């Protein structure tokens, strides 16, 4: 049996696991904020989005961010 070697074939996304969410943290100045709109009456959604933001914040060591649950979603501010 022989195998043909190919280049340029895209690797498919994994069927399991989650795709990382990219937030505009690096584009923000101190005092800037953005809203992640979703239904905040569901506590699991609030916790899920907070975890995603927390994971993203770990990758941006030179800045500080805060979050607050609003009536229409989760707002993220750059504080330093």
C-alpha atoms as a PDB file:
ATOM      1  CA  UNK A   1       0.000   0.000   0.000  1.00  0.00           C
ATOM      2  CA  UNK A   2       1.301   3.469  -0.846  1.00  0.00           C
ATOM      3  CA  UNK A   3       0.294   6.809   0.607  1.00  0.00           C
ATOM      4  CA  UNK A   4       0.253  10.152  -1.142  1.00  0.00           C
ATOM      5  CA  UNK A   5       1.660  13.082   0.836  1.00  0.00           C
ATOM      6  CA  UNK A   6      -0.375  16.287   0.441  1.00  0.00           C
ATOM      7  CA  UNK A   7       0.209  19.888   1.495  1.00  0.00           C
ATOM      8  CA  UNK A   8      -2.305  22.635   2.194  1.00  0.00           C
ATOM      9  CA  UNK A   9      -5.144  20.448   3.474  1.00  0.00           C
ATOM     10  CA  UNK A  10      -6.922  22.256   6.320  1.00  0.00           C
ATOM     11  CA  UNK A  11      -7.188  20.460   9.629  1.00  0.00           C
ATOM     12  CA  UNK A  12     -10.847  20.120  10.683  1.00  0.00           C
ATOM     13  CA  UNK A  13     -12.008  21.615  13.956  1.00  0.00           C
ATOM     14  CA  UNK A  14     -12.266  19.085  16.753  1.00  0.00           C
ATOM     15  CA  UNK A  15     -15.739  17.653  17.177  1.00  0.00           C
ATOM     16  CA  UNK A  16     -15.452  17.964  20.943  1.00  0.00           C
ATOM     17  CA  UNK A  17     -14.346  20.872  23.042  1.00  0.00           C
ATOM     18  CA  UNK A  18     -15.066  24.538  22.775  1.00  0.00           C
ATOM     19  CA  UNK A  19     -13.808  27.127  20.385  1.00  0.00           C
ATOM     20  CA  UNK A  20     -11.988  29.956  22.131  1.00  0.00           C
ATOM     21  CA  UNK A  21     -13.829  33.270  22.233  1.00  0.00           C
ATOM     22  CA  UNK A  22     -11.722  36.216  21.206  1.00  0.00           C
ATOM     23  CA  UNK A  23     -12.418  39.390  23.153  1.00  0.00           C
ATOM     24  CA  UNK A  24     -11.021  42.811  22.117  1.00  0.00           C
ATOM     25  CA  UNK A  25      -8.982  43.138  25.338  1.00  0.00           C
ATOM     26  CA  UNK A  26      -5.773  44.215  23.621  1.00  0.00           C
ATOM     27  CA  UNK A  27      -7.592  46.941  21.678  1.00  0.00           C
ATOM     28  CA  UNK A  28      -9.045  48.578  24.791  1.00  0.00           C
ATOM     29  CA  UNK A  29      -7.803  51.685  26.564  1.00  0.00           C
ATOM     30  CA  UNK A  30      -8.273  52.391  30.268  1.00  0.00           C
ATOM     31  CA  UNK A  31     -11.951  53.243  30.836  1.00  0.00           C
ATOM     32  CA  UNK A  32     -13.149  51.431  27.685  1.00  0.00           C
ATOM     33  CA  UNK A  33     -15.757  48.681  27.950  1.00  0.00           C
ATOM     34  CA  UNK A  34     -17.709  46.254  25.808  1.00  0.00           C
ATOM     35  CA  UNK A  35     -20.931  44.302  26.303  1.00  0.00           C
ATOM     36  CA  UNK A  36     -21.390  40.580  25.788  1.00  0.00           C
ATOM     37  CA  UNK A  37     -25.154  40.440  25.152  1.00  0.00           C
ATOM     38  CA  UNK A  38     -27.081  37.430  26.469  1.00  0.00           C
ATOM     39  CA  UNK A  39     -29.995  36.509  28.755  1.00  0.00           C
ATOM     40  CA  UNK A  40     -28.725  37.219  32.279  1.00  0.00           C
ATOM     41  CA  UNK A  41     -31.700  35.542  33.942  1.00  0.00           C
ATOM     42  CA  UNK A  42     -29.922  32.218  33.434  1.00  0.00           C
ATOM     43  CA  UNK A  43     -27.174  31.876  36.095  1.00  0.00           C
ATOM     44  CA  UNK A  44     -25.346  29.170  34.122  1.00  0.00           C
ATOM     45  CA  UNK A  45     -24.900  31.561  31.201  1.00  0.00           C
ATOM     46  CA  UNK A  46     -23.590  34.295  33.487  1.00  0.00           C
ATOM     47  CA  UNK A  47     -21.067  31.897  35.048  1.00  0.00           C
ATOM     48  CA  UNK A  48     -20.032  30.559  31.653  1.00  0.00           C
ATOM     49  CA  UNK A  49     -19.327  34.019  30.221  1.00  0.00           C
ATOM     50  CA  UNK A  50     -17.477  35.103  33.386  1.00  0.00           C
ATOM     51  CA  UNK A  51     -15.204  32.061  33.084  1.00  0.00           C
ATOM     52  CA  UNK A  52     -14.511  32.823  29.422  1.00  0.00           C
ATOM     53  CA  UNK A  53     -13.572  36.416  30.254  1.00  0.00           C
ATOM     54  CA  UNK A  54     -11.424  35.281  33.200  1.00  0.00           C
ATOM     55  CA  UNK A  55      -9.508  32.883  30.954  1.00  0.00           C
ATOM     56  CA  UNK A  56      -8.930  35.634  28.380  1.00  0.00           C
ATOM     57  CA  UNK A  57      -7.778  38.110  31.059  1.00  0.00           C
ATOM     58  CA  UNK A  58      -5.015  35.711  32.143  1.00  0.00           C
ATOM     59  CA  UNK A  59      -3.424  36.125  28.715  1.00  0.00           C
ATOM     60  CA  UNK A  60      -3.186  39.931  29.094  1.00  0.00           C
ATOM     61  CA  UNK A  61      -0.852  40.388  32.056  1.00  0.00           C
ATOM     62  CA  UNK A  62      -0.126  44.106  31.600  1.00  0.00           C
ATOM     63  CA  UNK A  63      -3.742  45.242  32.001  1.00  0.00           C
ATOM     64  CA  UNK A  64      -6.546  44.883  34.522  1.00  0.00           C
ATOM     65  CA  UNK A  65     -10.213  44.285  33.799  1.00  0.00           C
ATOM     66  CA  UNK A  66     -13.476  44.139  35.751  1.00  0.00           C
ATOM     67  CA  UNK A  67     -16.834  42.688  34.843  1.00  0.00           C
ATOM     68  CA  UNK A  68     -20.400  43.397  35.927  1.00  0.00           C
ATOM     69  CA  UNK A  69     -23.664  41.696  35.101  1.00  0.00           C
ATOM     70  CA  UNK A  70     -26.048  44.150  33.454  1.00  0.00           C
ATOM     71  CA  UNK A  71     -29.692  43.645  32.521  1.00  0.00           C
ATOM     72  CA  UNK A  72     -28.729  42.835  28.922  1.00  0.00           C
ATOM     73  CA  UNK A  73     -25.456  40.942  29.356  1.00  0.00           C
ATOM     74  CA  UNK A  74     -21.988  41.044  30.877  1.00  0.00           C
ATOM     75  CA  UNK A  75     -19.992  44.275  30.578  1.00  0.00           C
ATOM     76  CA  UNK A  76     -16.186  44.200  30.672  1.00  0.00           C
ATOM     77  CA  UNK A  77     -14.141  47.314  31.556  1.00  0.00           C
ATOM     78  CA  UNK A  78     -10.414  47.901  31.334  1.00  0.00           C
ATOM     79  CA  UNK A  79      -9.423  49.519  34.640  1.00  0.00           C
ATOM     80  CA  UNK A  80      -5.626  49.762  34.318  1.00  0.00           C
END
